[in-house]
Protein backbone atom coordinates (compact mmCIF):
# COMPACT_ATOMS: atom_id res chain seq x y z
CA UNK A 1 -29.45 -52.26 219.82
CA UNK A 2 -32.81 -53.92 219.07
CA UNK A 3 -35.23 -54.45 217.10
CA UNK A 4 -37.86 -52.05 215.75
CA UNK A 5 -40.47 -55.47 215.94
CA UNK A 6 -40.49 -58.16 217.74
CA UNK A 7 -41.22 -62.02 215.76
CA UNK A 8 -40.40 -64.37 218.26
CA UNK A 9 -44.44 -65.01 218.11
CA UNK A 10 -44.77 -65.54 214.27
CA UNK A 11 -40.92 -67.07 213.27
CA UNK A 12 -42.31 -70.57 213.88
CA UNK A 13 -44.63 -69.92 210.55
CA UNK A 14 -42.45 -68.12 208.92
CA UNK A 15 -40.80 -70.10 206.43
CA UNK A 16 -44.75 -71.43 205.78
CA UNK A 17 -44.33 -67.56 203.38
CA UNK A 18 -42.85 -67.90 199.91
CA UNK A 19 -39.97 -67.50 198.10
CA UNK A 20 -39.51 -64.86 195.43
CA UNK A 21 -39.79 -64.26 191.83
CA UNK A 22 -36.58 -66.61 190.71
CA UNK A 23 -36.62 -64.03 187.69
CA UNK A 24 -36.60 -60.60 190.14
CA UNK A 25 -33.86 -62.63 191.52
CA UNK A 26 -31.64 -63.09 188.13
CA UNK A 27 -32.47 -59.04 187.25
CA UNK A 28 -30.88 -58.11 190.97
CA UNK A 29 -27.99 -60.01 190.45
CA UNK A 30 -27.77 -58.27 186.70
CA UNK A 31 -27.27 -55.03 187.79
CA UNK A 32 -25.11 -55.92 190.80
CA UNK A 33 -22.41 -57.68 188.98
CA UNK A 34 -22.92 -60.58 191.74
CA UNK A 35 -19.85 -63.65 190.94
CA UNK A 36 -18.82 -66.76 193.32
CA UNK A 37 -17.22 -64.50 193.73
CA UNK A 38 -19.38 -61.43 195.23
CA UNK A 39 -20.51 -61.14 198.58
CA UNK A 40 -23.81 -59.92 200.10
CA UNK A 41 -24.96 -59.17 203.38
CA UNK A 42 -28.53 -60.24 203.84
CA UNK A 43 -30.16 -58.00 206.24
CA UNK A 44 -33.32 -58.69 208.15
CA UNK A 45 -33.45 -62.39 207.12
CA UNK A 46 -35.93 -64.03 209.12
CA UNK A 47 -35.46 -67.75 208.36
CA UNK A 48 -33.32 -68.12 205.41
CA UNK A 49 -35.68 -67.78 202.46
CA UNK A 50 -34.31 -65.00 201.03
CA UNK A 51 -30.93 -66.62 201.97
CA UNK A 52 -31.11 -69.62 200.25
CA UNK A 53 -31.67 -67.72 197.24
CA UNK A 54 -28.55 -65.64 197.42
CA UNK A 55 -26.54 -68.68 198.47
CA UNK A 56 -27.43 -70.93 195.74
CA UNK A 57 -25.49 -68.52 193.18
CA UNK A 58 -22.51 -69.58 195.31
CA UNK A 59 -21.51 -66.14 196.82
CA UNK A 60 -20.66 -65.73 200.38
CA UNK A 61 -23.88 -64.53 202.33
CA UNK A 62 -24.14 -63.05 205.17
CA UNK A 63 -27.46 -63.44 207.65
CA UNK A 64 -27.81 -61.51 209.63
CA UNK A 65 -30.99 -61.41 211.48
CA UNK A 66 -31.78 -60.21 215.37
CA UNK A 67 -34.10 -61.93 216.40
CA UNK A 68 -33.65 -65.08 218.48
CA UNK A 69 -35.75 -67.61 217.13
CA UNK A 70 -36.10 -66.61 213.70
CA UNK A 71 -32.29 -66.89 213.35
CA UNK A 72 -31.39 -69.83 214.92
CA UNK A 73 -34.71 -71.94 212.09
CA UNK A 74 -33.01 -69.81 209.89
CA UNK A 75 -29.39 -71.31 210.88
CA UNK A 76 -31.93 -75.19 210.41
CA UNK A 77 -33.58 -74.27 206.88
CA UNK A 78 -30.17 -73.73 206.34
CA UNK A 79 -27.33 -75.54 207.26
CA UNK A 80 -27.29 -78.05 204.39
CA UNK A 81 -25.01 -74.40 202.85
CA UNK A 82 -21.39 -74.11 203.13
CA UNK A 83 -21.45 -69.68 201.99
CA UNK A 84 -23.64 -69.06 205.08
CA UNK A 85 -23.13 -67.23 207.96
CA UNK A 86 -25.50 -66.75 210.19
CA UNK A 87 -25.00 -63.09 213.34
CA UNK A 88 -27.11 -61.10 215.38
CA UNK A 89 -27.93 -57.69 214.32
CA UNK A 90 -29.49 -55.28 213.08
CA UNK A 91 -29.62 -53.32 209.95
CA UNK A 92 -28.86 -50.10 211.58
CA UNK A 93 -26.05 -51.78 213.52
CA UNK A 94 -24.56 -55.12 211.36
CA UNK A 95 -22.18 -54.97 213.54
CA UNK A 96 -19.94 -56.66 210.79
CA UNK A 97 -16.67 -54.74 209.08
CA UNK A 98 -16.82 -51.80 206.36
CA UNK A 99 -16.11 -52.00 203.14
CA UNK A 100 -16.32 -55.34 203.14
CA UNK A 101 -19.76 -56.31 200.43
CA UNK A 102 -20.53 -56.34 196.75
CA UNK A 103 -24.60 -56.33 197.73
CA UNK A 104 -26.72 -55.41 200.60
CA UNK A 105 -30.20 -56.85 200.63
CA UNK A 106 -33.84 -56.56 202.41
CA UNK A 107 -36.54 -58.76 201.85
CA UNK A 108 -39.23 -58.27 203.64
CA UNK A 109 -36.84 -55.96 206.11
CA UNK A 110 -36.70 -52.98 204.89
CA UNK A 111 -40.23 -50.93 206.77
CA UNK A 112 -39.44 -53.17 209.45
CA UNK A 113 -36.34 -50.82 210.28
CA UNK A 114 -35.94 -46.76 211.20
CA UNK A 115 -34.75 -46.97 207.16
CA UNK A 116 -32.60 -43.93 207.33
CA UNK A 117 -31.10 -45.28 209.97
CA UNK A 118 -30.43 -48.23 208.01
CA UNK A 119 -29.23 -47.10 205.16
CA UNK A 120 -25.88 -45.02 206.53
CA UNK A 121 -25.45 -48.42 208.09
CA UNK A 122 -25.37 -50.72 204.30
CA UNK A 123 -23.06 -47.41 203.40
CA UNK A 124 -21.15 -48.32 206.20
CA UNK A 125 -20.74 -51.57 204.73
CA UNK A 126 -20.89 -51.65 201.38
CA UNK A 127 -17.29 -51.32 199.10
CA UNK A 128 -17.55 -48.78 197.13
CA UNK A 129 -20.27 -48.56 193.62
CA UNK A 130 -21.95 -51.53 195.14
CA UNK A 131 -25.58 -52.04 196.21
CA UNK A 132 -28.31 -51.87 198.66
CA UNK A 133 -31.65 -54.37 197.87
CA UNK A 134 -34.89 -53.77 199.30
CA UNK A 135 -38.34 -55.98 198.13
CA UNK A 136 -41.46 -58.08 198.88
CA UNK A 137 -43.68 -59.77 197.76
CA UNK A 138 -46.78 -58.49 197.33
CA UNK A 139 -50.30 -61.07 196.97
CA UNK A 140 -52.42 -60.02 193.19
CA UNK A 141 -55.92 -59.51 194.47
CA UNK A 142 -57.10 -59.12 190.78
CA UNK A 143 -56.72 -63.00 191.72
CA UNK A 144 -60.30 -64.02 192.24
CA UNK A 145 -59.52 -66.40 194.93
CA UNK A 146 -57.62 -63.33 196.22
CA UNK A 147 -60.54 -61.15 196.34
CA UNK A 148 -62.26 -63.20 198.14
CA UNK A 149 -60.14 -62.93 201.00
CA UNK A 150 -60.00 -59.59 200.38
CA UNK A 151 -63.50 -59.93 201.15
CA UNK A 152 -62.76 -61.75 204.37
CA UNK A 153 -60.02 -58.78 205.63
CA UNK A 154 -62.41 -56.07 205.34
CA UNK A 155 -65.80 -57.90 206.96
CA UNK A 156 -63.92 -57.18 209.96
CA UNK A 157 -61.73 -53.72 208.69
CA UNK A 158 -63.54 -51.22 206.74
CA UNK A 159 -60.59 -49.53 206.14
CA UNK A 160 -57.77 -52.13 204.58
CA UNK A 161 -56.76 -51.23 201.86
CA UNK A 162 -54.01 -54.21 200.41
CA UNK A 163 -52.82 -51.96 198.15
CA UNK A 164 -51.52 -48.62 200.84
CA UNK A 165 -50.88 -50.81 204.08
CA UNK A 166 -48.14 -49.49 205.62
CA UNK A 167 -44.36 -48.71 204.53
CA UNK A 168 -43.91 -52.02 202.31
CA UNK A 169 -46.43 -50.74 200.03
CA UNK A 170 -44.96 -47.20 199.22
CA UNK A 171 -42.47 -46.09 196.28
CA UNK A 172 -38.56 -46.02 197.59
CA UNK A 173 -36.58 -44.26 195.66
CA UNK A 174 -38.16 -41.20 197.50
CA UNK A 175 -36.52 -42.54 201.11
CA UNK A 176 -33.53 -44.26 199.00
CA UNK A 177 -32.48 -40.66 197.98
CA UNK A 178 -33.39 -39.00 200.25
CA UNK A 179 -30.17 -40.54 202.50
CA UNK A 180 -27.86 -38.63 199.41
CA UNK A 181 -25.68 -41.94 199.42
CA UNK A 182 -27.28 -43.73 196.39
CA UNK A 183 -27.83 -42.64 193.17
CA UNK A 184 -29.19 -44.84 190.14
CA UNK A 185 -32.26 -45.58 191.06
CA UNK A 186 -33.95 -48.92 189.74
CA UNK A 187 -36.76 -50.58 190.30
CA UNK A 188 -38.73 -53.63 188.39
CA UNK A 189 -41.89 -56.07 189.73
CA UNK A 190 -42.03 -59.86 188.59
CA UNK A 191 -45.34 -61.73 188.50
CA UNK A 192 -45.01 -65.50 189.63
CA UNK A 193 -47.20 -68.08 191.29
CA UNK A 194 -46.28 -70.14 194.48
CA UNK A 195 -48.50 -73.25 194.93
CA UNK A 196 -49.11 -74.07 199.19
CA UNK A 197 -51.05 -76.80 200.93
CA UNK A 198 -54.30 -75.26 202.20
CA UNK A 199 -52.34 -76.55 205.63
CA UNK A 200 -49.18 -74.69 205.17
CA UNK A 201 -51.25 -71.57 203.29
CA UNK A 202 -53.13 -71.07 206.45
CA UNK A 203 -50.51 -70.82 208.40
CA UNK A 204 -48.90 -68.46 205.76
CA UNK A 205 -51.19 -65.82 207.36
CA UNK A 206 -49.97 -66.55 211.34
CA UNK A 207 -47.31 -65.67 210.04
CA UNK A 208 -48.10 -61.94 209.54
CA UNK A 209 -46.74 -59.42 212.27
CA UNK A 210 -50.43 -57.37 212.01
CA UNK A 211 -52.01 -60.22 212.73
CA UNK A 212 -50.64 -60.45 215.91
CA UNK A 213 -50.85 -56.30 216.83
CA UNK A 214 -53.00 -53.95 214.23
CA UNK A 215 -55.37 -57.07 214.22
CA UNK A 216 -55.30 -58.94 216.64
CA UNK A 217 -58.88 -58.51 218.27
CA UNK A 218 -59.97 -59.90 215.26
CA UNK A 219 -57.40 -62.17 214.04
CA UNK A 220 -58.66 -65.78 214.98
CA UNK A 221 -61.75 -64.42 213.19
CA UNK A 222 -60.13 -63.29 210.31
CA UNK A 223 -58.07 -67.41 209.41
CA UNK A 224 -60.76 -69.69 210.69
CA UNK A 225 -62.61 -68.15 207.85
CA UNK A 226 -60.02 -68.49 205.68
CA UNK A 227 -60.05 -71.51 206.32
CA UNK A 228 -63.46 -71.88 205.92
CA UNK A 229 -63.41 -70.53 202.55
CA UNK A 230 -60.24 -72.74 200.84
CA UNK A 231 -62.90 -76.00 202.54
CA UNK A 232 -65.69 -74.88 199.87
CA UNK A 233 -63.53 -74.29 197.24
CA UNK A 234 -60.08 -75.89 196.83
CA UNK A 235 -59.44 -79.36 196.88
CA UNK A 236 -55.62 -79.29 199.39
CA UNK A 237 -53.65 -77.17 197.62
CA UNK A 238 -53.80 -73.46 196.53
CA UNK A 239 -52.11 -71.85 193.89
CA UNK A 240 -51.10 -67.83 194.84
CA UNK A 241 -49.63 -65.27 192.39
CA UNK A 242 -47.39 -62.82 193.81
CA UNK A 243 -45.54 -60.11 192.70
CA UNK A 244 -41.76 -59.35 193.15
CA UNK A 245 -41.13 -55.60 193.60
CA UNK A 246 -37.89 -54.52 194.15
CA UNK A 247 -36.03 -51.36 194.82
CA UNK A 248 -32.28 -51.32 194.78
CA UNK A 249 -29.73 -48.59 194.28
CA UNK A 250 -25.93 -48.41 193.89
CA UNK A 251 -24.01 -46.16 196.49
CA UNK A 252 -22.25 -42.65 195.29
């Protein structure tokens, strides 16, 4: 089974994206009761950003990633961990055994799957009384620099609205509950800041699938204008405020 989205063209930029809030990951681990003997399945592991954060807690992590280019980079990025195993699979069909995991995670990937089918697959591979967690980072656009960047985007895309742009910005409660397989929904939001070099920040924008699909006509102009803004208003690095949002559900 193939993934819904093809990230091959953006794979080399994907590692420039920020990690998630450490406090958010700690909150998730506490809810799920994760310890060093736990086993986690990270679905849509990409180039290993969330995978590395999970493995740093010394639990076993199976990283599921369907894109060959992304998975190859992820294997290199996480090769210092002996507790990570990479697998070719998709959220709807992981190829993994049933009743194996204490936690299934989706780091900015739940929206890139058929969510209903992915929830059924997660339920199958989870142990009894275990959890799923889907999460995303959102830029905090109350920040002056991020407001200016959104203004650049809206110059080319007047209908752009950062707060309502696609499934990744939706509340996930009803989606998880509608499966009939999970209950006890928990959610959190944690703010954090991430420092980029200006070069890495521009490359992180190149990793966005929307730049190469919905925004393809204007992607080069948008990225060039963001680079020009950074050149005028920064000194080689930029601190970007983010909000990590996490939704969790427990198996019924």
